[in-house]
Amino acid sequence: MSTLGPHSRARLAAAGYVGLVTLAALAYEIAGQPEAGRAAMTLAAWPGEIVLLVMLYPLALAIGDDALLGETVFNFLGPLLHGAGALVNVLIVWGVIAFARHFKAEYSRSR
């Protein structure tokens, strides 16, 4: 039986996080967007979802689409936004870790 290395486990955890947030957002949409789950869904993909909203909201206003303003009907935009926000979170963490490794290598090389 093969064991997973640290990089494989990290990728599996990242994919699991993105998938779990997307599935939870889909279940939240199917349940009719109950008020009790709004904070949990926002927190699950924060701050990546906010970064995406800052980039997408001006585009939505420019083309005249107000779907981001809060519809109460079922749509797939919400789960996709939460999943993309989770993906942005994974990319942020990856970037911070890559920067820390690079900084450590440069520090070790300069000594």
PDB file of N, CA and C in Angstrom:
ATOM      1  N   MET A   1       0.842  -1.171   0.000  1.00  0.00           N
ATOM      2  CA  MET A   1       0.000   0.000   0.000  1.00  0.00           C
ATOM      3  C   MET A   1       0.891   1.240   0.000  1.00  0.00           C
ATOM      4  N   SER A   2       0.625   2.136  -0.890  1.00  0.00           N
ATOM      5  CA  SER A   2       1.438   3.342  -0.969  1.00  0.00           C
ATOM      6  C   SER A   2       0.874   4.412  -0.039  1.00  0.00           C
ATOM      7  N   THR A   3       1.783   5.184   0.522  1.00  0.00           N
ATOM      8  CA  THR A   3       1.371   6.282   1.383  1.00  0.00           C
ATOM      9  C   THR A   3       1.488   7.582   0.611  1.00  0.00           C
ATOM     10  N   LEU A   4       0.668   8.518   0.973  1.00  0.00           N
ATOM     11  CA  LEU A   4       0.696   9.809   0.309  1.00  0.00           C
ATOM     12  C   LEU A   4       1.802  10.673   0.896  1.00  0.00           C
ATOM     13  N   GLY A   5       2.491  11.374   0.032  1.00  0.00           N
ATOM     14  CA  GLY A   5       3.518  12.301   0.477  1.00  0.00           C
ATOM     15  C   GLY A   5       2.874  13.591   0.962  1.00  0.00           C
ATOM     16  N   PRO A   6       3.675  14.490   1.515  1.00  0.00           N
ATOM     17  CA  PRO A   6       3.108  15.728   2.037  1.00  0.00           C
ATOM     18  C   PRO A   6       2.472  16.603   0.963  1.00  0.00           C
ATOM     19  N   HIS A   7       3.046  16.599  -0.240  1.00  0.00           N
ATOM     20  CA  HIS A   7       2.468  17.412  -1.306  1.00  0.00           C
ATOM     21  C   HIS A   7       1.139  16.823  -1.780  1.00  0.00           C
ATOM     22  N   SER A   8       1.053  15.508  -1.852  1.00  0.00           N
ATOM     23  CA  SER A   8      -0.190  14.867  -2.271  1.00  0.00           C
ATOM     24  C   SER A   8      -1.288  15.086  -1.237  1.00  0.00           C
ATOM     25  N   ARG A   9      -0.921  15.011   0.040  1.00  0.00           N
ATOM     26  CA  ARG A   9      -1.915  15.252   1.089  1.00  0.00           C
ATOM     27  C   ARG A   9      -2.390  16.691   1.072  1.00  0.00           C
ATOM     28  N   ALA A  10      -1.493  17.625   0.791  1.00  0.00           N
ATOM     29  CA  ALA A  10      -1.877  19.033   0.728  1.00  0.00           C
ATOM     30  C   ALA A  10      -2.821  19.272  -0.455  1.00  0.00           C
ATOM     31  N   ARG A  11      -2.516  18.664  -1.591  1.00  0.00           N
ATOM     32  CA  ARG A  11      -3.397  18.812  -2.756  1.00  0.00           C
ATOM     33  C   ARG A  11      -4.755  18.178  -2.501  1.00  0.00           C
ATOM     34  N   LEU A  12      -4.747  17.018  -1.844  1.00  0.00           N
ATOM     35  CA  LEU A  12      -5.998  16.347  -1.512  1.00  0.00           C
ATOM     36  C   LEU A  12      -6.821  17.182  -0.536  1.00  0.00           C
ATOM     37  N   ALA A  13      -6.169  17.778   0.448  1.00  0.00           N
ATOM     38  CA  ALA A  13      -6.876  18.631   1.406  1.00  0.00           C
ATOM     39  C   ALA A  13      -7.435  19.873   0.718  1.00  0.00           C
ATOM     40  N   ALA A  14      -6.665  20.471  -0.189  1.00  0.00           N
ATOM     41  CA  ALA A  14      -7.128  21.659  -0.912  1.00  0.00           C
ATOM     42  C   ALA A  14      -8.325  21.321  -1.803  1.00  0.00           C
ATOM     43  N   ALA A  15      -8.229  20.217  -2.522  1.00  0.00           N
ATOM     44  CA  ALA A  15      -9.355  19.804  -3.374  1.00  0.00           C
ATOM     45  C   ALA A  15     -10.570  19.447  -2.529  1.00  0.00           C
ATOM     46  N   GLY A  16     -10.347  18.808  -1.392  1.00  0.00           N
ATOM     47  CA  GLY A  16     -11.451  18.487  -0.493  1.00  0.00           C
ATOM     48  C   GLY A  16     -12.125  19.731   0.050  1.00  0.00           C
ATOM     49  N   TYR A  17     -11.328  20.749   0.397  1.00  0.00           N
ATOM     50  CA  TYR A  17     -11.875  22.009   0.899  1.00  0.00           C
ATOM     51  C   TYR A  17     -12.728  22.696  -0.160  1.00  0.00           C
ATOM     52  N   VAL A  18     -12.211  22.789  -1.370  1.00  0.00           N
ATOM     53  CA  VAL A  18     -12.968  23.441  -2.448  1.00  0.00           C
ATOM     54  C   VAL A  18     -14.246  22.665  -2.744  1.00  0.00           C
ATOM     55  N   GLY A  19     -14.141  21.339  -2.806  1.00  0.00           N
ATOM     56  CA  GLY A  19     -15.322  20.518  -3.067  1.00  0.00           C
ATOM     57  C   GLY A  19     -16.344  20.598  -1.955  1.00  0.00           C
ATOM     58  N   LEU A  20     -15.889  20.593  -0.713  1.00  0.00           N
ATOM     59  CA  LEU A  20     -16.808  20.662   0.422  1.00  0.00           C
ATOM     60  C   LEU A  20     -17.540  21.998   0.468  1.00  0.00           C
ATOM     61  N   VAL A  21     -16.827  23.074   0.230  1.00  0.00           N
ATOM     62  CA  VAL A  21     -17.470  24.391   0.217  1.00  0.00           C
ATOM     63  C   VAL A  21     -18.475  24.481  -0.930  1.00  0.00           C
ATOM     64  N   THR A  22     -18.123  23.956  -2.092  1.00  0.00           N
ATOM     65  CA  THR A  22     -19.037  23.994  -3.236  1.00  0.00           C
ATOM     66  C   THR A  22     -20.281  23.151  -2.978  1.00  0.00           C
ATOM     67  N   LEU A  23     -20.104  21.960  -2.418  1.00  0.00           N
ATOM     68  CA  LEU A  23     -21.264  21.121  -2.098  1.00  0.00           C
ATOM     69  C   LEU A  23     -22.133  21.741  -1.010  1.00  0.00           C
ATOM     70  N   ALA A  24     -21.517  22.354  -0.013  1.00  0.00           N
ATOM     71  CA  ALA A  24     -22.291  23.020   1.032  1.00  0.00           C
ATOM     72  C   ALA A  24     -23.064  24.199   0.460  1.00  0.00           C
ATOM     73  N   ALA A  25     -22.454  24.942  -0.461  1.00  0.00           N
ATOM     74  CA  ALA A  25     -23.153  26.058  -1.099  1.00  0.00           C
ATOM     75  C   ALA A  25     -24.302  25.573  -1.967  1.00  0.00           C
ATOM     76  N   LEU A  26     -24.109  24.439  -2.625  1.00  0.00           N
ATOM     77  CA  LEU A  26     -25.197  23.872  -3.425  1.00  0.00           C
ATOM     78  C   LEU A  26     -26.345  23.422  -2.532  1.00  0.00           C
ATOM     79  N   ALA A  27     -26.031  22.790  -1.409  1.00  0.00           N
ATOM     80  CA  ALA A  27     -27.073  22.382  -0.463  1.00  0.00           C
ATOM     81  C   ALA A  27     -27.784  23.602   0.113  1.00  0.00           C
ATOM     82  N   TYR A  28     -27.051  24.663   0.362  1.00  0.00           N
ATOM     83  CA  TYR A  28     -27.626  25.915   0.867  1.00  0.00           C
ATOM     84  C   TYR A  28     -28.604  26.498  -0.158  1.00  0.00           C
ATOM     85  N   GLU A  29     -28.237  26.457  -1.424  1.00  0.00           N
ATOM     86  CA  GLU A  29     -29.132  26.952  -2.485  1.00  0.00           C
ATOM     87  C   GLU A  29     -30.366  26.072  -2.608  1.00  0.00           C
ATOM     88  N   ILE A  30     -30.186  24.765  -2.548  1.00  0.00           N
ATOM     89  CA  ILE A  30     -31.325  23.846  -2.671  1.00  0.00           C
ATOM     90  C   ILE A  30     -32.275  24.026  -1.503  1.00  0.00           C
ATOM     91  N   ALA A  31     -31.739  24.325  -0.318  1.00  0.00           N
ATOM     92  CA  ALA A  31     -32.576  24.521   0.871  1.00  0.00           C
ATOM     93  C   ALA A  31     -33.323  25.847   0.835  1.00  0.00           C
ATOM     94  N   GLY A  32     -33.076  26.666  -0.139  1.00  0.00           N
ATOM     95  CA  GLY A  32     -33.809  27.923  -0.267  1.00  0.00           C
ATOM     96  C   GLY A  32     -33.141  29.093   0.416  1.00  0.00           C
ATOM     97  N   GLN A  33     -31.857  29.043   0.610  1.00  0.00           N
ATOM     98  CA  GLN A  33     -31.065  30.102   1.221  1.00  0.00           C
ATOM     99  C   GLN A  33     -31.605  30.515   2.585  1.00  0.00           C
ATOM    100  N   PRO A  34     -31.628  29.587   3.548  1.00  0.00           N
ATOM    101  CA  PRO A  34     -32.135  29.958   4.870  1.00  0.00           C
ATOM    102  C   PRO A  34     -31.235  31.000   5.533  1.00  0.00           C
ATOM    103  N   GLU A  35     -31.853  31.870   6.300  1.00  0.00           N
ATOM    104  CA  GLU A  35     -31.120  32.959   6.943  1.00  0.00           C
ATOM    105  C   GLU A  35     -30.056  32.442   7.910  1.00  0.00           C
ATOM    106  N   ALA A  36     -30.310  31.311   8.542  1.00  0.00           N
ATOM    107  CA  ALA A  36     -29.379  30.764   9.528  1.00  0.00           C
ATOM    108  C   ALA A  36     -28.055  30.339   8.907  1.00  0.00           C
ATOM    109  N   GLY A  37     -28.033  29.996   7.640  1.00  0.00           N
ATOM    110  CA  GLY A  37     -26.807  29.524   7.005  1.00  0.00           C
ATOM    111  C   GLY A  37     -26.014  30.585   6.274  1.00  0.00           C
ATOM    112  N   ARG A  38     -26.526  31.789   6.217  1.00  0.00           N
ATOM    113  CA  ARG A  38     -25.858  32.838   5.439  1.00  0.00           C
ATOM    114  C   ARG A  38     -24.468  33.163   5.978  1.00  0.00           C
ATOM    115  N   ALA A  39     -24.337  33.306   7.288  1.00  0.00           N
ATOM    116  CA  ALA A  39     -23.042  33.648   7.883  1.00  0.00           C
ATOM    117  C   ALA A  39     -22.033  32.517   7.696  1.00  0.00           C
ATOM    118  N   ALA A  40     -22.497  31.279   7.836  1.00  0.00           N
ATOM    119  CA  ALA A  40     -21.595  30.137   7.675  1.00  0.00           C
ATOM    120  C   ALA A  40     -21.096  30.036   6.238  1.00  0.00           C
ATOM    121  N   MET A  41     -21.955  30.287   5.278  1.00  0.00           N
ATOM    122  CA  MET A  41     -21.538  30.206   3.885  1.00  0.00           C
ATOM    123  C   MET A  41     -20.575  31.339   3.531  1.00  0.00           C
ATOM    124  N   THR A  42     -20.809  32.510   4.084  1.00  0.00           N
ATOM    125  CA  THR A  42     -19.888  33.621   3.832  1.00  0.00           C
ATOM    126  C   THR A  42     -18.537  33.346   4.465  1.00  0.00           C
ATOM    127  N   LEU A  43     -18.535  32.794   5.676  1.00  0.00           N
ATOM    128  CA  LEU A  43     -17.297  32.518   6.386  1.00  0.00           C
ATOM    129  C   LEU A  43     -16.507  31.379   5.744  1.00  0.00           C
ATOM    130  N   ALA A  44     -17.188  30.427   5.143  1.00  0.00           N
ATOM    131  CA  ALA A  44     -16.518  29.262   4.558  1.00  0.00           C
ATOM    132  C   ALA A  44     -15.594  29.644   3.405  1.00  0.00           C
ATOM    133  N   ALA A  45     -15.943  30.656   2.648  1.00  0.00           N
ATOM    134  CA  ALA A  45     -15.140  31.038   1.484  1.00  0.00           C
ATOM    135  C   ALA A  45     -14.491  32.412   1.641  1.00  0.00           C
ATOM    136  N   TRP A  46     -14.486  32.943   2.836  1.00  0.00           N
ATOM    137  CA  TRP A  46     -13.903  34.251   3.062  1.00  0.00           C
ATOM    138  C   TRP A  46     -12.406  34.137   3.189  1.00  0.00           C
ATOM    139  N   PRO A  47     -11.583  34.966   2.693  1.00  0.00           N
ATOM    140  CA  PRO A  47     -11.744  36.222   1.972  1.00  0.00           C
ATOM    141  C   PRO A  47     -11.761  36.068   0.455  1.00  0.00           C
ATOM    142  N   GLY A  48     -11.613  34.830  -0.035  1.00  0.00           N
ATOM    143  CA  GLY A  48     -11.568  34.626  -1.481  1.00  0.00           C
ATOM    144  C   GLY A  48     -12.828  35.070  -2.190  1.00  0.00           C
ATOM    145  N   GLU A  49     -13.969  34.842  -1.554  1.00  0.00           N
ATOM    146  CA  GLU A  49     -15.237  35.255  -2.155  1.00  0.00           C
ATOM    147  C   GLU A  49     -15.316  36.772  -2.263  1.00  0.00           C
ATOM    148  N   ILE A  50     -14.807  37.469  -1.258  1.00  0.00           N
ATOM    149  CA  ILE A  50     -14.821  38.930  -1.278  1.00  0.00           C
ATOM    150  C   ILE A  50     -13.923  39.446  -2.402  1.00  0.00           C
ATOM    151  N   VAL A  51     -12.779  38.829  -2.588  1.00  0.00           N
ATOM    152  CA  VAL A  51     -11.871  39.223  -3.672  1.00  0.00           C
ATOM    153  C   VAL A  51     -12.575  39.060  -5.017  1.00  0.00           C
ATOM    154  N   LEU A  52     -13.263  37.954  -5.198  1.00  0.00           N
ATOM    155  CA  LEU A  52     -13.990  37.741  -6.456  1.00  0.00           C
ATOM    156  C   LEU A  52     -15.127  38.736  -6.634  1.00  0.00           C
ATOM    157  N   LEU A  53     -15.848  39.026  -5.561  1.00  0.00           N
ATOM    158  CA  LEU A  53     -16.943  39.993  -5.667  1.00  0.00           C
ATOM    159  C   LEU A  53     -16.431  41.382  -6.026  1.00  0.00           C
ATOM    160  N   VAL A  54     -15.295  41.763  -5.465  1.00  0.00           N
ATOM    161  CA  VAL A  54     -14.720  43.071  -5.790  1.00  0.00           C
ATOM    162  C   VAL A  54     -14.355  43.135  -7.271  1.00  0.00           C
ATOM    163  N   MET A  55     -13.899  42.013  -7.818  1.00  0.00           N
ATOM    164  CA  MET A  55     -13.540  41.998  -9.239  1.00  0.00           C
ATOM    165  C   MET A  55     -14.765  41.860 -10.140  1.00  0.00           C
ATOM    166  N   LEU A  56     -15.772  41.079  -9.719  1.00  0.00           N
ATOM    167  CA  LEU A  56     -16.909  40.792 -10.591  1.00  0.00           C
ATOM    168  C   LEU A  56     -18.050  41.804 -10.488  1.00  0.00           C
ATOM    169  N   TYR A  57     -18.205  42.460  -9.364  1.00  0.00           N
ATOM    170  CA  TYR A  57     -19.337  43.361  -9.196  1.00  0.00           C
ATOM    171  C   TYR A  57     -19.328  44.527 -10.182  1.00  0.00           C
ATOM    172  N   PRO A  58     -18.188  45.201 -10.392  1.00  0.00           N
ATOM    173  CA  PRO A  58     -18.200  46.262 -11.416  1.00  0.00           C
ATOM    174  C   PRO A  58     -18.534  45.726 -12.817  1.00  0.00           C
ATOM    175  N   LEU A  59     -18.086  44.519 -13.111  1.00  0.00           N
ATOM    176  CA  LEU A  59     -18.416  43.912 -14.399  1.00  0.00           C
ATOM    177  C   LEU A  59     -19.921  43.659 -14.503  1.00  0.00           C
ATOM    178  N   ALA A  60     -20.528  43.178 -13.424  1.00  0.00           N
ATOM    179  CA  ALA A  60     -21.966  42.920 -13.430  1.00  0.00           C
ATOM    180  C   ALA A  60     -22.752  44.221 -13.592  1.00  0.00           C
ATOM    181  N   LEU A  61     -22.294  45.283 -12.963  1.00  0.00           N
ATOM    182  CA  LEU A  61     -22.965  46.573 -13.122  1.00  0.00           C
ATOM    183  C   LEU A  61     -22.797  47.126 -14.531  1.00  0.00           C
ATOM    184  N   ALA A  62     -21.630  46.885 -15.123  1.00  0.00           N
ATOM    185  CA  ALA A  62     -21.367  47.398 -16.465  1.00  0.00           C
ATOM    186  C   ALA A  62     -22.257  46.739 -17.515  1.00  0.00           C
ATOM    187  N   ILE A  63     -22.528  45.439 -17.346  1.00  0.00           N
ATOM    188  CA  ILE A  63     -23.359  44.758 -18.340  1.00  0.00           C
ATOM    189  C   ILE A  63     -24.840  44.786 -17.964  1.00  0.00           C
ATOM    190  N   GLY A  64     -25.154  45.376 -16.811  1.00  0.00           N
ATOM    191  CA  GLY A  64     -26.548  45.535 -16.424  1.00  0.00           C
ATOM    192  C   GLY A  64     -27.149  44.315 -15.763  1.00  0.00           C
ATOM    193  N   ASP A  65     -26.348  43.387 -15.302  1.00  0.00           N
ATOM    194  CA  ASP A  65     -26.839  42.186 -14.636  1.00  0.00           C
ATOM    195  C   ASP A  65     -26.776  42.406 -13.137  1.00  0.00           C
ATOM    196  N   ASP A  66     -27.916  42.294 -12.460  1.00  0.00           N
ATOM    197  CA  ASP A  66     -27.930  42.497 -11.013  1.00  0.00           C
ATOM    198  C   ASP A  66     -28.150  41.190 -10.264  1.00  0.00           C
ATOM    199  N   ALA A  67     -27.666  40.076 -10.824  1.00  0.00           N
ATOM    200  CA  ALA A  67     -27.823  38.778 -10.174  1.00  0.00           C
ATOM    201  C   ALA A  67     -27.013  38.685  -8.883  1.00  0.00           C
ATOM    202  N   LEU A  68     -25.980  39.491  -8.753  1.00  0.00           N
ATOM    203  CA  LEU A  68     -25.166  39.462  -7.543  1.00  0.00           C
ATOM    204  C   LEU A  68     -25.800  40.250  -6.404  1.00  0.00           C
ATOM    205  N   LEU A  69     -26.891  40.946  -6.671  1.00  0.00           N
ATOM    206  CA  LEU A  69     -27.518  41.769  -5.640  1.00  0.00           C
ATOM    207  C   LEU A  69     -28.374  40.966  -4.687  1.00  0.00           C
ATOM    208  N   GLY A  70     -28.557  39.706  -4.903  1.00  0.00           N
ATOM    209  CA  GLY A  70     -29.265  38.872  -3.951  1.00  0.00           C
ATOM    210  C   GLY A  70     -30.624  38.396  -4.433  1.00  0.00           C
ATOM    211  N   GLU A  71     -30.640  37.449  -5.322  1.00  0.00           N
ATOM    212  CA  GLU A  71     -31.891  36.855  -5.756  1.00  0.00           C
ATOM    213  C   GLU A  71     -32.329  35.811  -4.744  1.00  0.00           C
ATOM    214  N   THR A  72     -33.620  35.577  -4.682  1.00  0.00           N
ATOM    215  CA  THR A  72     -34.116  34.554  -3.768  1.00  0.00           C
ATOM    216  C   THR A  72     -34.494  33.276  -4.503  1.00  0.00           C
ATOM    217  N   VAL A  73     -34.357  33.251  -5.805  1.00  0.00           N
ATOM    218  CA  VAL A  73     -34.659  32.041  -6.565  1.00  0.00           C
ATOM    219  C   VAL A  73     -33.395  31.205  -6.695  1.00  0.00           C
ATOM    220  N   PHE A  74     -33.564  29.940  -7.038  1.00  0.00           N
ATOM    221  CA  PHE A  74     -32.421  29.042  -7.183  1.00  0.00           C
ATOM    222  C   PHE A  74     -31.602  29.407  -8.409  1.00  0.00           C
ATOM    223  N   ASN A  75     -30.315  29.554  -8.222  1.00  0.00           N
ATOM    224  CA  ASN A  75     -29.407  29.753  -9.341  1.00  0.00           C
ATOM    225  C   ASN A  75     -28.069  29.112  -9.003  1.00  0.00           C
ATOM    226  N   PHE A  76     -27.305  28.805 -10.022  1.00  0.00           N
ATOM    227  CA  PHE A  76     -26.016  28.168  -9.816  1.00  0.00           C
ATOM    228  C   PHE A  76     -24.891  29.174  -9.610  1.00  0.00           C
ATOM    229  N   LEU A  77     -25.179  30.448  -9.651  1.00  0.00           N
ATOM    230  CA  LEU A  77     -24.148  31.459  -9.464  1.00  0.00           C
ATOM    231  C   LEU A  77     -23.601  31.440  -8.040  1.00  0.00           C
ATOM    232  N   GLY A  78     -24.463  31.239  -7.062  1.00  0.00           N
ATOM    233  CA  GLY A  78     -24.030  31.214  -5.658  1.00  0.00           C
ATOM    234  C   GLY A  78     -23.037  30.106  -5.356  1.00  0.00           C
ATOM    235  N   PRO A  79     -23.371  28.838  -5.657  1.00  0.00           N
ATOM    236  CA  PRO A  79     -22.402  27.774  -5.406  1.00  0.00           C
ATOM    237  C   PRO A  79     -21.106  27.938  -6.197  1.00  0.00           C
ATOM    238  N   LEU A  80     -21.194  28.431  -7.418  1.00  0.00           N
ATOM    239  CA  LEU A  80     -19.982  28.657  -8.202  1.00  0.00           C
ATOM    240  C   LEU A  80     -19.127  29.761  -7.584  1.00  0.00           C
ATOM    241  N   LEU A  81     -19.779  30.794  -7.075  1.00  0.00           N
ATOM    242  CA  LEU A  81     -19.048  31.881  -6.438  1.00  0.00           C
ATOM    243  C   LEU A  81     -18.368  31.405  -5.159  1.00  0.00           C
ATOM    244  N   HIS A  82     -19.071  30.622  -4.356  1.00  0.00           N
ATOM    245  CA  HIS A  82     -18.472  30.098  -3.132  1.00  0.00           C
ATOM    246  C   HIS A  82     -17.313  29.145  -3.450  1.00  0.00           C
ATOM    247  N   GLY A  83     -17.497  28.276  -4.435  1.00  0.00           N
ATOM    248  CA  GLY A  83     -16.428  27.358  -4.832  1.00  0.00           C
ATOM    249  C   GLY A  83     -15.223  28.100  -5.384  1.00  0.00           C
ATOM    250  N   ALA A  84     -15.469  29.120  -6.191  1.00  0.00           N
ATOM    251  CA  ALA A  84     -14.360  29.918  -6.727  1.00  0.00           C
ATOM    252  C   ALA A  84     -13.668  30.700  -5.616  1.00  0.00           C
ATOM    253  N   GLY A  85     -14.438  31.164  -4.636  1.00  0.00           N
ATOM    254  CA  GLY A  85     -13.841  31.845  -3.492  1.00  0.00           C
ATOM    255  C   GLY A  85     -12.955  30.908  -2.695  1.00  0.00           C
ATOM    256  N   ALA A  86     -13.390  29.669  -2.526  1.00  0.00           N
ATOM    257  CA  ALA A  86     -12.563  28.676  -1.836  1.00  0.00           C
ATOM    258  C   ALA A  86     -11.293  28.396  -2.632  1.00  0.00           C
ATOM    259  N   LEU A  87     -11.400  28.349  -3.951  1.00  0.00           N
ATOM    260  CA  LEU A  87     -10.220  28.156  -4.794  1.00  0.00           C
ATOM    261  C   LEU A  87      -9.254  29.327  -4.660  1.00  0.00           C
ATOM    262  N   VAL A  88      -9.772  30.539  -4.593  1.00  0.00           N
ATOM    263  CA  VAL A  88      -8.917  31.708  -4.387  1.00  0.00           C
ATOM    264  C   VAL A  88      -8.224  31.612  -3.027  1.00  0.00           C
ATOM    265  N   ASN A  89      -8.929  31.121  -2.003  1.00  0.00           N
ATOM    266  CA  ASN A  89      -8.308  30.933  -0.692  1.00  0.00           C
ATOM    267  C   ASN A  89      -7.151  29.947  -0.770  1.00  0.00           C
ATOM    268  N   VAL A  90      -7.341  28.859  -1.506  1.00  0.00           N
ATOM    269  CA  VAL A  90      -6.272  27.869  -1.677  1.00  0.00           C
ATOM    270  C   VAL A  90      -5.076  28.510  -2.385  1.00  0.00           C
ATOM    271  N   LEU A  91      -5.337  29.312  -3.387  1.00  0.00           N
ATOM    272  CA  LEU A  91      -4.250  29.977  -4.107  1.00  0.00           C
ATOM    273  C   LEU A  91      -3.535  31.001  -3.225  1.00  0.00           C
ATOM    274  N   ILE A  92      -4.273  31.686  -2.348  1.00  0.00           N
ATOM    275  CA  ILE A  92      -3.652  32.636  -1.422  1.00  0.00           C
ATOM    276  C   ILE A  92      -2.717  31.893  -0.470  1.00  0.00           C
ATOM    277  N   VAL A  93      -3.187  30.794   0.101  1.00  0.00           N
ATOM    278  CA  VAL A  93      -2.360  30.009   1.024  1.00  0.00           C
ATOM    279  C   VAL A  93      -1.138  29.453   0.298  1.00  0.00           C
ATOM    280  N   TRP A  94      -1.318  28.952  -0.917  1.00  0.00           N
ATOM    281  CA  TRP A  94      -0.200  28.444  -1.705  1.00  0.00           C
ATOM    282  C   TRP A  94       0.831  29.551  -1.945  1.00  0.00           C
ATOM    283  N   GLY A  95       0.372  30.745  -2.275  1.00  0.00           N
ATOM    284  CA  GLY A  95       1.282  31.858  -2.511  1.00  0.00           C
ATOM    285  C   GLY A  95       2.056  32.267  -1.268  1.00  0.00           C
ATOM    286  N   VAL A  96       1.382  32.285  -0.120  1.00  0.00           N
ATOM    287  CA  VAL A  96       2.060  32.634   1.131  1.00  0.00           C
ATOM    288  C   VAL A  96       3.118  31.591   1.475  1.00  0.00           C
ATOM    289  N   ILE A  97       2.781  30.320   1.308  1.00  0.00           N
ATOM    290  CA  ILE A  97       3.751  29.252   1.602  1.00  0.00           C
ATOM    291  C   ILE A  97       4.932  29.315   0.637  1.00  0.00           C
ATOM    292  N   ALA A  98       4.661  29.556  -0.639  1.00  0.00           N
ATOM    293  CA  ALA A  98       5.746  29.662  -1.624  1.00  0.00           C
ATOM    294  C   ALA A  98       6.652  30.847  -1.302  1.00  0.00           C
ATOM    295  N   PHE A  99       6.064  31.958  -0.898  1.00  0.00           N
ATOM    296  CA  PHE A  99       6.862  33.124  -0.532  1.00  0.00           C
ATOM    297  C   PHE A  99       7.712  32.830   0.699  1.00  0.00           C
ATOM    298  N   ALA A 100       7.133  32.172   1.693  1.00  0.00           N
ATOM    299  CA  ALA A 100       7.879  31.846   2.916  1.00  0.00           C
ATOM    300  C   ALA A 100       9.047  30.911   2.602  1.00  0.00           C
ATOM    301  N   ARG A 101       8.821  29.930   1.741  1.00  0.00           N
ATOM    302  CA  ARG A 101       9.909  29.019   1.356  1.00  0.00           C
ATOM    303  C   ARG A 101      11.010  29.752   0.603  1.00  0.00           C
ATOM    304  N   HIS A 102      10.614  30.636  -0.292  1.00  0.00           N
ATOM    305  CA  HIS A 102      11.588  31.413  -1.050  1.00  0.00           C
ATOM    306  C   HIS A 102      12.379  32.323  -0.111  1.00  0.00           C
ATOM    307  N   PHE A 103      11.696  32.971   0.815  1.00  0.00           N
ATOM    308  CA  PHE A 103      12.353  33.856   1.776  1.00  0.00           C
ATOM    309  C   PHE A 103      13.332  33.072   2.643  1.00  0.00           C
ATOM    310  N   LYS A 104      12.931  31.888   3.084  1.00  0.00           N
ATOM    311  CA  LYS A 104      13.804  31.048   3.906  1.00  0.00           C
ATOM    312  C   LYS A 104      15.045  30.622   3.121  1.00  0.00           C
ATOM    313  N   ALA A 105      14.858  30.247   1.857  1.00  0.00           N
ATOM    314  CA  ALA A 105      15.994  29.836   1.023  1.00  0.00           C
ATOM    315  C   ALA A 105      16.943  31.006   0.792  1.00  0.00           C
ATOM    316  N   GLU A 106      16.412  32.176   0.533  1.00  0.00           N
ATOM    317  CA  GLU A 106      17.266  33.349   0.323  1.00  0.00           C
ATOM    318  C   GLU A 106      17.986  33.735   1.612  1.00  0.00           C
ATOM    319  N   TYR A 107      17.315  33.611   2.729  1.00  0.00           N
ATOM    320  CA  TYR A 107      17.939  33.926   4.006  1.00  0.00           C
ATOM    321  C   TYR A 107      19.080  32.946   4.302  1.00  0.00           C
ATOM    322  N   SER A 108      18.833  31.663   4.048  1.00  0.00           N
ATOM    323  CA  SER A 108      19.878  30.660   4.277  1.00  0.00           C
ATOM    324  C   SER A 108      21.060  30.871   3.337  1.00  0.00           C
ATOM    325  N   ARG A 109      20.794  31.266   2.114  1.00  0.00           N
ATOM    326  CA  ARG A 109      21.852  31.476   1.136  1.00  0.00           C
ATOM    327  C   ARG A 109      22.681  32.722   1.472  1.00  0.00           C
ATOM    328  N   SER A 110      22.066  33.723   2.069  1.00  0.00           N
ATOM    329  CA  SER A 110      22.783  34.963   2.361  1.00  0.00           C
ATOM    330  C   SER A 110      23.649  34.858   3.619  1.00  0.00           C
ATOM    331  N   ARG A 111      23.445  33.831   4.432  1.00  0.00           N
ATOM    332  CA  ARG A 111      24.236  33.673   5.648  1.00  0.00           C
ATOM    333  C   ARG A 111      25.500  33.045   5.323  1.00  0.00           C
TER     334      ARG A 111
END
